[in-house]
Protein backbone atom coordinates (compact mmCIF):
# COMPACT_ATOMS: atom_id res chain seq x y z
CA UNK A 1 -0.18 0.00 -0.15
CA UNK A 2 1.60 3.43 -1.02
CA UNK A 3 2.24 6.03 1.65
CA UNK A 4 -0.01 8.72 1.19
CA UNK A 5 2.55 11.30 2.16
CA UNK A 6 4.57 9.81 -1.36
CA UNK A 7 1.25 10.10 -3.20
CA UNK A 8 1.54 13.79 -1.72
CA UNK A 9 4.70 14.34 -3.67
CA UNK A 10 3.47 12.99 -6.55
CA UNK A 11 0.38 14.97 -6.83
CA UNK A 12 2.52 18.21 -6.16
CA UNK A 13 4.35 17.28 -9.23
CA UNK A 14 1.25 16.68 -11.06
CA UNK A 15 -0.86 19.34 -9.89
CA UNK A 16 1.71 22.43 -9.40
CA UNK A 17 5.45 23.46 -9.68
CA UNK A 18 8.14 23.50 -6.94
CA UNK A 19 8.01 27.28 -6.44
CA UNK A 20 5.95 27.36 -2.97
CA UNK A 21 7.33 30.49 -1.05
CA UNK A 22 4.14 32.47 -0.61
CA UNK A 23 1.02 29.81 -0.57
CA UNK A 24 1.64 28.52 2.89
CA UNK A 25 2.14 31.85 4.22
CA UNK A 26 -1.17 32.54 2.72
CA UNK A 27 -2.75 29.22 3.74
CA UNK A 28 -2.17 30.45 7.23
CA UNK A 29 -3.70 34.32 6.82
CA UNK A 30 -6.85 32.47 5.18
CA UNK A 31 -7.04 30.10 8.00
CA UNK A 32 -6.76 32.81 10.91
CA UNK A 33 -8.98 35.56 8.57
CA UNK A 34 -11.95 32.77 8.57
CA UNK A 35 -11.43 31.48 11.90
CA UNK A 36 -10.85 34.65 13.62
CA UNK A 37 -13.13 36.71 11.30
CA UNK A 38 -15.33 38.00 14.09
CA UNK A 39 -12.54 39.31 15.45
CA UNK A 40 -11.56 41.28 12.64
CA UNK A 41 -14.79 42.60 12.22
CA UNK A 42 -14.94 43.66 15.72
CA UNK A 43 -11.92 45.90 14.87
CA UNK A 44 -12.67 47.32 11.46
CA UNK A 45 -16.37 46.48 10.76
CA UNK A 46 -18.06 44.25 8.42
CA UNK A 47 -17.77 46.30 5.21
CA UNK A 48 -13.92 46.57 5.62
CA UNK A 49 -13.68 43.10 6.43
CA UNK A 50 -15.25 42.37 3.34
CA UNK A 51 -13.20 43.99 1.59
CA UNK A 52 -10.24 42.37 3.30
CA UNK A 53 -11.43 39.21 2.79
CA UNK A 54 -11.84 39.67 -0.96
CA UNK A 55 -8.43 41.13 -1.57
CA UNK A 56 -6.99 38.19 0.34
CA UNK A 57 -9.05 35.81 -1.72
CA UNK A 58 -7.79 37.39 -5.21
CA UNK A 59 -4.04 37.32 -3.95
CA UNK A 60 -4.56 33.72 -2.97
CA UNK A 61 -5.85 33.17 -6.16
CA UNK A 62 -2.99 34.97 -7.98
CA UNK A 63 -0.06 33.25 -5.98
CA UNK A 64 -1.73 30.21 -6.66
CA UNK A 65 -1.37 30.69 -10.65
CA UNK A 66 1.92 32.29 -10.33
CA UNK A 67 3.28 29.25 -8.44
CA UNK A 68 2.06 26.82 -11.19
CA UNK A 69 -0.40 25.48 -9.62
CA UNK A 70 -4.03 23.74 -11.02
CA UNK A 71 -7.12 22.27 -10.15
CA UNK A 72 -7.75 18.92 -11.80
CA UNK A 73 -11.47 18.43 -13.02
CA UNK A 74 -11.32 15.16 -11.32
CA UNK A 75 -10.55 16.47 -7.67
CA UNK A 76 -13.14 19.11 -7.53
CA UNK A 77 -15.18 18.41 -4.06
CA UNK A 78 -18.92 17.19 -5.66
CA UNK A 79 -20.48 17.82 -1.95
CA UNK A 80 -19.39 20.50 -1.05
CA UNK A 81 -19.48 21.99 -4.53
CA UNK A 82 -22.67 21.10 -5.30
CA UNK A 83 -23.97 22.58 -1.43
CA UNK A 84 -22.07 25.73 -2.66
CA UNK A 85 -24.37 25.69 -5.67
CA UNK A 86 -27.35 25.50 -4.09
CA UNK A 87 -26.39 28.58 -1.96
CA UNK A 88 -25.96 30.11 -5.10
CA UNK A 89 -29.14 29.20 -6.73
CA UNK A 90 -31.77 29.61 -3.46
CA UNK A 91 -31.54 33.29 -4.63
CA UNK A 92 -34.03 32.33 -6.96
CA UNK A 93 -36.66 31.24 -4.66
CA UNK A 94 -34.97 32.97 -1.45
CA UNK A 95 -37.25 35.01 0.77
CA UNK A 96 -34.57 37.57 1.16
CA UNK A 97 -33.09 37.67 -2.30
CA UNK A 98 -30.77 40.38 -1.73
CA UNK A 99 -29.09 38.83 1.51
CA UNK A 100 -28.74 35.38 -0.19
CA UNK A 101 -26.90 36.75 -2.97
CA UNK A 102 -24.56 38.28 -0.64
CA UNK A 103 -24.11 35.25 1.70
CA UNK A 104 -23.50 33.30 -1.50
CA UNK A 105 -21.16 34.99 -2.73
CA UNK A 106 -19.30 34.32 0.97
CA UNK A 107 -19.95 30.87 0.68
CA UNK A 108 -18.24 30.50 -2.97
CA UNK A 109 -15.00 32.06 -2.08
CA UNK A 110 -14.68 30.42 1.09
CA UNK A 111 -15.53 27.37 -0.86
CA UNK A 112 -12.85 28.45 -3.58
CA UNK A 113 -10.41 29.19 -0.68
CA UNK A 114 -10.76 25.30 0.60
CA UNK A 115 -10.05 24.08 -2.71
CA UNK A 116 -7.04 26.21 -3.67
CA UNK A 117 -5.41 25.67 -0.40
CA UNK A 118 -5.77 21.68 -1.24
CA UNK A 119 -4.48 21.76 -4.34
CA UNK A 120 -1.64 24.03 -3.55
CA UNK A 121 -0.44 22.45 -0.63
CA UNK A 122 0.48 18.76 0.65
CA UNK A 123 -1.37 17.48 3.77
CA UNK A 124 1.58 18.12 5.80
CA UNK A 125 1.90 22.05 4.76
CA UNK A 126 -1.85 22.38 5.44
CA UNK A 127 -1.41 21.06 8.99
CA UNK A 128 1.27 23.68 9.48
CA UNK A 129 -0.88 26.39 8.01
CA UNK A 130 -3.90 25.71 9.98
CA UNK A 131 -1.75 25.12 13.29
CA UNK A 132 0.36 28.48 12.85
CA UNK A 133 -3.05 30.25 12.31
CA UNK A 134 -4.75 28.56 15.43
CA UNK A 135 -1.61 29.31 17.56
CA UNK A 136 -1.51 33.06 16.45
CA UNK A 137 -5.27 33.26 17.38
CA UNK A 138 -4.69 31.73 21.17
CA UNK A 139 -2.02 34.09 21.50
CA UNK A 140 -3.75 37.25 20.81
CA UNK A 141 -6.82 36.11 22.55
CA UNK A 142 -4.82 35.63 26.06
CA UNK A 143 -3.01 39.21 24.85
CA UNK A 144 -6.55 40.64 24.74
CA UNK A 145 -7.96 39.13 27.78
CA UNK A 146 -5.09 40.16 29.82
CA UNK A 147 -5.20 43.82 28.55
CA UNK A 148 -9.05 43.76 29.21
CA UNK A 149 -8.38 42.41 32.73
CA UNK A 150 -5.51 44.21 33.88
CA UNK A 151 -5.58 47.33 32.05
CA UNK A 152 -8.87 48.54 30.67
CA UNK A 153 -11.05 46.49 33.64
CA UNK A 154 -14.17 47.00 32.29
CA UNK A 155 -16.07 44.77 29.36
CA UNK A 156 -14.84 45.82 25.84
CA UNK A 157 -17.00 46.30 23.20
CA UNK A 158 -16.08 45.87 18.91
CA UNK A 159 -14.24 49.05 17.86
CA UNK A 160 -16.91 49.94 15.31
CA UNK A 161 -19.90 49.92 18.38
CA UNK A 162 -18.18 52.60 20.16
CA UNK A 163 -20.89 55.21 18.58
CA UNK A 164 -23.51 53.03 20.14
CA UNK A 165 -25.59 54.76 22.98
CA UNK A 166 -26.08 51.02 24.38
CA UNK A 167 -24.30 47.87 23.60
CA UNK A 168 -26.06 44.84 24.48
CA UNK A 169 -24.17 42.52 26.78
CA UNK A 170 -24.27 39.35 24.51
CA UNK A 171 -22.46 42.02 21.79
CA UNK A 172 -19.77 42.49 23.97
CA UNK A 173 -16.24 41.24 22.47
CA UNK A 174 -14.39 40.76 25.93
CA UNK A 175 -15.93 40.35 29.29
CA UNK A 176 -12.72 40.62 30.92
CA UNK A 177 -12.88 37.64 33.50
CA UNK A 178 -9.66 36.12 32.81
CA UNK A 179 -8.55 37.10 36.25
CA UNK A 180 -11.54 35.37 37.97
CA UNK A 181 -10.87 31.89 36.25
CA UNK A 182 -13.31 32.67 33.14
CA UNK A 183 -15.10 32.24 30.70
CA UNK A 184 -12.99 34.06 28.54
CA UNK A 185 -13.96 35.31 24.66
CA UNK A 186 -10.76 35.73 22.93
CA UNK A 187 -10.74 37.82 20.07
CA UNK A 188 -13.18 35.57 18.17
CA UNK A 189 -16.00 37.18 20.68
CA UNK A 190 -17.32 33.79 22.06
CA UNK A 191 -15.93 31.29 24.10
CA UNK A 192 -17.07 28.23 22.18
CA UNK A 193 -15.70 29.03 18.91
CA UNK A 194 -12.31 30.15 21.05
CA UNK A 195 -12.56 26.34 22.82
CA UNK A 196 -13.05 24.62 19.34
CA UNK A 197 -10.01 26.60 18.07
CA UNK A 198 -8.04 25.86 21.32
CA UNK A 199 -9.06 21.86 20.49
CA UNK A 200 -7.70 22.02 17.18
CA UNK A 201 -4.61 23.64 18.07
CA UNK A 202 -4.07 20.61 20.65
CA UNK A 203 -5.02 18.22 17.87
CA UNK A 204 -2.16 19.58 15.38
CA UNK A 205 0.11 20.05 17.88
CA UNK A 206 -0.32 16.21 19.07
CA UNK A 207 -0.07 15.04 15.21
CA UNK A 208 2.92 17.53 14.22
CA UNK A 209 4.62 16.60 17.65
CA UNK A 210 4.30 12.83 16.50
CA UNK A 211 5.36 13.41 12.97
CA UNK A 212 8.69 14.88 14.31
CA UNK A 213 7.98 18.69 13.03
CA UNK A 214 7.64 19.94 16.49
CA UNK A 215 10.04 19.48 19.62
CA UNK A 216 9.34 18.66 22.97
CA UNK A 217 9.38 22.54 23.73
CA UNK A 218 6.85 23.62 21.28
CA UNK A 219 4.64 20.57 22.25
CA UNK A 220 4.86 21.74 25.67
CA UNK A 221 3.54 25.18 25.16
CA UNK A 222 1.11 24.98 22.48
CA UNK A 223 -0.52 21.98 24.46
CA UNK A 224 -0.38 23.65 27.57
CA UNK A 225 -1.72 26.96 26.35
CA UNK A 226 -4.57 24.94 24.85
CA UNK A 227 -5.32 22.98 27.43
CA UNK A 228 -5.14 26.79 29.38
CA UNK A 229 -7.86 27.96 27.28
CA UNK A 230 -10.14 25.06 27.11
CA UNK A 231 -10.06 25.38 30.81
CA UNK A 232 -11.05 29.34 31.25
CA UNK A 233 -13.65 28.74 27.94
CA UNK A 234 -15.34 25.84 30.32
CA UNK A 235 -17.46 24.78 26.73
CA UNK A 236 -19.58 21.65 27.37
CA UNK A 237 -19.62 21.12 23.58
CA UNK A 238 -16.04 21.11 23.18
CA UNK A 239 -15.77 19.38 26.72
CA UNK A 240 -17.63 16.29 24.89
CA UNK A 241 -15.28 16.61 21.79
CA UNK A 242 -12.28 16.55 23.72
CA UNK A 243 -13.45 13.32 25.35
CA UNK A 244 -14.53 11.85 21.75
CA UNK A 245 -11.04 12.92 20.21
CA UNK A 246 -9.06 11.31 23.24
CA UNK A 247 -10.96 8.10 23.07
CA UNK A 248 -10.30 7.88 19.05
CA UNK A 249 -6.78 8.64 19.47
CA UNK A 250 -6.32 5.99 22.05
CA UNK A 251 -8.13 3.60 19.73
CA UNK A 252 -5.76 4.43 16.67
CA UNK A 253 -3.10 4.18 19.06
CA UNK A 254 -3.81 0.53 19.83
CA UNK A 255 -4.77 -0.29 16.63
CA UNK A 256 -1.13 0.82 15.51
CA UNK A 257 0.35 -1.14 18.21
CA UNK A 258 -1.51 -5.00 17.28
CA UNK A 259 -0.79 -7.20 14.24
CA UNK A 260 -2.51 -5.99 11.27
CA UNK A 261 -4.90 -9.33 11.53
CA UNK A 262 -6.27 -7.76 15.00
CA UNK A 263 -6.92 -4.48 13.85
CA UNK A 264 -10.59 -5.33 11.92
CA UNK A 265 -11.53 -6.52 15.30
CA UNK A 266 -10.26 -3.51 17.71
CA UNK A 267 -12.22 -1.26 14.86
CA UNK A 268 -15.40 -3.11 15.06
CA UNK A 269 -15.05 -3.28 19.24
CA UNK A 270 -14.53 0.32 19.28
CA UNK A 271 -17.62 1.10 16.88
CA UNK A 272 -19.99 -0.82 18.80
CA UNK A 273 -18.79 0.70 22.10
CA UNK A 274 -19.18 4.15 20.48
CA UNK A 275 -22.73 3.46 19.12
CA UNK A 276 -23.72 2.08 22.69
CA UNK A 277 -22.20 5.19 24.51
CA UNK A 278 -23.65 7.42 21.98
CA UNK A 279 -27.29 5.77 22.48
CA UNK A 280 -27.06 5.90 26.44
CA UNK A 281 -25.80 9.54 26.08
CA UNK A 282 -29.07 10.69 24.65
CA UNK A 283 -31.39 7.95 26.53
CA UNK A 284 -29.67 10.01 29.98
CA UNK A 285 -29.03 13.44 27.87
CA UNK A 286 -30.28 15.21 31.51
CA UNK A 287 -28.04 13.85 33.87
CA UNK A 288 -25.03 13.77 30.93
CA UNK A 289 -26.05 17.83 30.66
CA UNK A 290 -26.28 18.05 34.32
CA UNK A 291 -22.72 16.38 34.81
CA UNK A 292 -21.57 19.28 32.12
CA UNK A 293 -23.18 22.13 34.36
CA UNK A 294 -25.84 22.72 31.65
CA UNK A 295 -29.43 22.72 31.67
CA UNK A 296 -31.54 19.78 29.82
CA UNK A 297 -32.57 21.70 26.80
CA UNK A 298 -28.49 22.24 26.18
CA UNK A 299 -28.96 26.37 26.95
CA UNK A 300 -31.86 26.96 25.45
CA UNK A 301 -31.43 25.03 22.02
CA UNK A 302 -34.11 22.81 21.65
CA UNK A 303 -36.57 25.84 21.85
CA UNK A 304 -34.75 27.41 19.00
CA UNK A 305 -34.56 24.00 17.28
CA UNK A 306 -38.34 23.21 17.19
CA UNK A 307 -39.27 26.90 16.19
CA UNK A 308 -36.60 26.90 13.20
CA UNK A 309 -38.30 23.25 12.23
CA UNK A 310 -41.47 24.85 12.39
CA UNK A 311 -40.39 27.35 9.54
CA UNK A 312 -38.87 24.59 7.66
CA UNK A 313 -42.06 22.87 7.67
CA UNK A 314 -43.33 26.06 5.21
CA UNK A 315 -40.16 25.31 2.88
CA UNK A 316 -39.67 21.89 2.79
CA UNK A 317 -38.19 20.68 -0.29
CA UNK A 318 -35.47 23.69 -0.87
CA UNK A 319 -35.84 25.72 2.13
CA UNK A 320 -36.06 29.89 2.61
CA UNK A 321 -32.81 30.46 1.08
CA UNK A 322 -29.09 30.61 2.11
CA UNK A 323 -28.03 33.23 4.44
CA UNK A 324 -25.27 31.74 6.46
CA UNK A 325 -25.71 34.03 9.63
CA UNK A 326 -29.11 35.30 10.78
CA UNK A 327 -29.06 39.06 10.03
CA UNK A 328 -30.99 40.38 13.47
CA UNK A 329 -32.09 43.58 11.98
CA UNK A 330 -34.73 41.21 9.93
CA UNK A 331 -38.10 41.00 10.65
CA UNK A 332 -38.08 37.17 10.14
CA UNK A 333 -35.07 36.80 12.76
CA UNK A 334 -35.44 39.62 15.04
CA UNK A 335 -38.27 37.99 17.18
CA UNK A 336 -37.60 34.45 16.51
CA UNK A 337 -35.60 33.38 19.44
CA UNK A 338 -34.94 36.51 21.61
CA UNK A 339 -31.91 36.30 24.09
CA UNK A 340 -31.88 37.08 28.00
CA UNK A 341 -30.72 40.62 27.02
CA UNK A 342 -33.39 41.09 24.20
CA UNK A 343 -30.85 40.45 21.46
CA UNK A 344 -31.94 37.97 19.02
CA UNK A 345 -30.52 34.84 17.93
CA UNK A 346 -28.43 34.46 15.26
CA UNK A 347 -28.21 30.56 14.16
CA UNK A 348 -29.92 27.53 14.52
CA UNK A 349 -27.37 26.17 16.83
CA UNK A 350 -27.08 22.90 14.70
CA UNK A 351 -25.47 22.22 11.08
CA UNK A 352 -27.99 20.17 10.31
CA UNK A 353 -31.20 21.86 11.30
CA UNK A 354 -29.64 25.31 9.79
CA UNK A 355 -29.12 23.19 6.28
CA UNK A 356 -32.62 22.16 6.64
CA UNK A 357 -34.12 25.59 7.24
CA UNK A 358 -32.03 27.56 4.67
CA UNK A 359 -31.64 25.12 1.94
CA UNK A 360 -34.15 22.72 2.66
CA UNK A 361 -34.22 18.55 2.42
CA UNK A 362 -32.17 18.70 -0.41
CA UNK A 363 -29.32 20.73 0.94
CA UNK A 364 -29.98 18.78 4.56
CA UNK A 365 -29.11 15.64 2.60
CA UNK A 366 -26.00 16.98 0.70
CA UNK A 367 -24.73 18.06 4.28
CA UNK A 368 -25.61 14.72 5.78
CA UNK A 369 -24.15 12.43 2.97
CA UNK A 370 -20.79 15.19 2.81
CA UNK A 371 -19.98 14.27 7.13
CA UNK A 372 -20.69 10.88 6.64
CA UNK A 373 -18.64 10.55 3.47
CA UNK A 374 -15.94 12.39 4.97
CA UNK A 375 -15.72 10.54 8.58
CA UNK A 376 -15.50 7.30 6.35
CA UNK A 377 -12.57 8.31 4.25
CA UNK A 378 -10.83 10.25 7.08
CA UNK A 379 -11.05 7.27 9.34
CA UNK A 380 -10.14 4.55 6.08
CA UNK A 381 -7.11 6.92 5.57
CA UNK A 382 -6.42 6.47 8.88
CA UNK A 383 -6.65 2.91 9.45
CA UNK A 384 -4.98 1.79 5.94
CA UNK A 385 -1.67 3.87 6.80
CA UNK A 386 -1.29 3.65 10.38
CA UNK A 387 2.30 2.08 9.85
CA UNK A 388 3.41 5.24 7.53
CA UNK A 389 3.31 9.25 8.87
CA UNK A 390 1.29 10.60 11.52
CA UNK A 391 -0.08 13.30 9.09
CA UNK A 392 -2.80 10.91 7.85
CA UNK A 393 -4.38 11.01 11.62
CA UNK A 394 -5.27 14.53 11.37
CA UNK A 395 -8.40 14.23 8.93
CA UNK A 396 -10.14 11.82 11.32
CA UNK A 397 -9.41 13.47 14.40
CA UNK A 398 -10.67 17.22 12.71
CA UNK A 399 -13.89 15.58 11.21
CA UNK A 400 -14.37 14.01 14.94
CA UNK A 401 -13.93 17.44 16.41
CA UNK A 402 -16.35 18.83 13.64
CA UNK A 403 -19.42 16.54 13.91
CA UNK A 404 -19.10 16.73 17.92
CA UNK A 405 -19.44 20.31 17.28
CA UNK A 406 -22.04 20.54 14.46
CA UNK A 407 -24.96 19.10 16.75
CA UNK A 408 -24.87 22.03 18.87
CA UNK A 409 -23.39 24.79 16.52
CA UNK A 410 -24.21 25.73 13.01
CA UNK A 411 -20.53 26.89 11.89
CA UNK A 412 -19.75 23.71 9.76
CA UNK A 413 -21.21 25.71 7.21
CA UNK A 414 -19.36 28.69 7.38
CA UNK A 415 -15.98 30.50 7.70
CA UNK A 416 -13.24 28.22 8.84
CA UNK A 417 -15.22 25.12 9.46
CA UNK A 418 -16.13 25.25 6.21
CA UNK A 419 -12.39 25.95 4.49
CA UNK A 420 -11.48 23.00 6.38
CA UNK A 421 -14.30 20.63 5.28
CA UNK A 422 -13.64 21.65 1.21
CA UNK A 423 -9.89 21.20 1.72
CA UNK A 424 -10.46 17.79 3.09
CA UNK A 425 -12.98 16.53 0.32
CA UNK A 426 -10.68 17.91 -2.19
CA UNK A 427 -7.29 16.72 -0.76
CA UNK A 428 -9.23 12.98 -0.70
CA UNK A 429 -10.30 13.46 -4.23
CA UNK A 430 -6.58 14.32 -5.57
CA UNK A 431 -5.46 11.29 -3.10
CA UNK A 432 -8.07 9.19 -4.75
CA UNK A 433 -6.57 10.44 -8.24
CA UNK A 434 -3.20 9.95 -7.43
CA UNK A 435 -4.33 6.26 -6.51
CA UNK A 436 -6.02 5.63 -9.43
CA UNK A 437 -3.06 6.83 -11.78
CA UNK A 438 -0.86 4.90 -10.04
CA UNK A 439 -3.11 1.30 -10.51
CA UNK A 440 -4.11 2.24 -14.12
CA UNK A 441 -1.21 3.76 -15.65
CA UNK A 442 -3.03 3.97 -19.06
CA UNK A 443 -5.20 6.75 -17.36
CA UNK A 444 -2.12 9.16 -17.24
CA UNK A 445 -0.46 7.93 -20.43
CA UNK A 446 -4.22 8.71 -22.42
CA UNK A 447 -4.28 12.26 -20.59
CA UNK A 448 -0.55 13.08 -21.58
CA UNK A 449 -1.40 12.32 -25.30
CA UNK A 450 -4.55 14.28 -25.08
CA UNK A 451 -2.44 17.43 -23.85
CA UNK A 452 0.08 16.69 -26.25
CA UNK A 453 -2.47 16.59 -29.10
CA UNK A 454 -3.78 19.97 -27.89
CA UNK A 455 -0.75 21.46 -27.92
CA UNK A 456 0.39 20.62 -31.27
CA UNK A 457 -2.97 21.67 -32.84
CA UNK A 458 -2.43 24.87 -31.36
């Protein structure tokens, strides 16, 4: 069986040239901008952020082309591509067409960023770029929290809200609770995504260390910072994701240290136990939420899901139209679910409910199939290549974290999470393409003959 890292090298020779001086840095910036987008918006506002994002996308594309890369047709991600196309097309039946057009353009840019990064960077390079971006977010978050707690000594509001007469509590950027043990919000302005970023940083650091690309001091620093942020955010959803990822890591480690003939048995037992524990968790959800210090309705999420599903029933097949986050000034969302401080909720807090509501059964089915497919391929990659490079473990761990979060947050469908999803599906397409060309050399030969023929005709 071929080492996927070797296949990555072969793919880079096929997909692009050897010049790759700017793309890794731009990859880091792309991941930073999409995962810490709210922090950037809190400084410069929405319109300036849109300009920064547009310029960043253009520069990423120009550098991608300048360095000799291309996007093979067979590597295009079919499911994320289809969902993006559905989001764009939904402007035709949207209940808020202007907002859908803007949200569709953002979705297209986010999808394109994931595809370009997967085609221009190897799996190791993507891991490094993602890790550097997440590390920067954690460092800046701690520094901002310390500034607010030690210097400002009062809650910090977004810069573009400075002229508002009154700012609701839920719109505060940082509450300044770091010296009291949290919870902290960091530069992203929300403890839940900050905790998730800390988890992803921990996963990337662990994989890079196992791959001998992070030394022991780096492991201690970044793992320690990630655990500190996880403790200070106290996010119940991410705590569950941490436990699940730890169990998955332990199972993969066990499989790597047992004879190959017994690995299928180990994976089967682990899967059975996982399903049983998930079923028990659902049956005992009240006890589980009490243990996590949360209400049995998951901090009001049941009410949100109930009301959103009621809206979905009015436009079952194609949904209300893509809009990403719910604009609080729209009448539909202004009073749909109101927080205790009087501000409207801005998402369904569940990726699948969100997909059903905005893109109907068609979109919901696409997202469900996409998640199942990526989970299957990532774990297939990890189990098939356990004896090779540690980098192949990261997709499985990332998908585990993303799936756990998707049940209580809608972020799977937007910004940094969606970039990761698009990059993973594209990378799997590239990997499958290289494996196909290796097993069927005539495919490569025929493609080369067609290329030479076109050059001769021109």
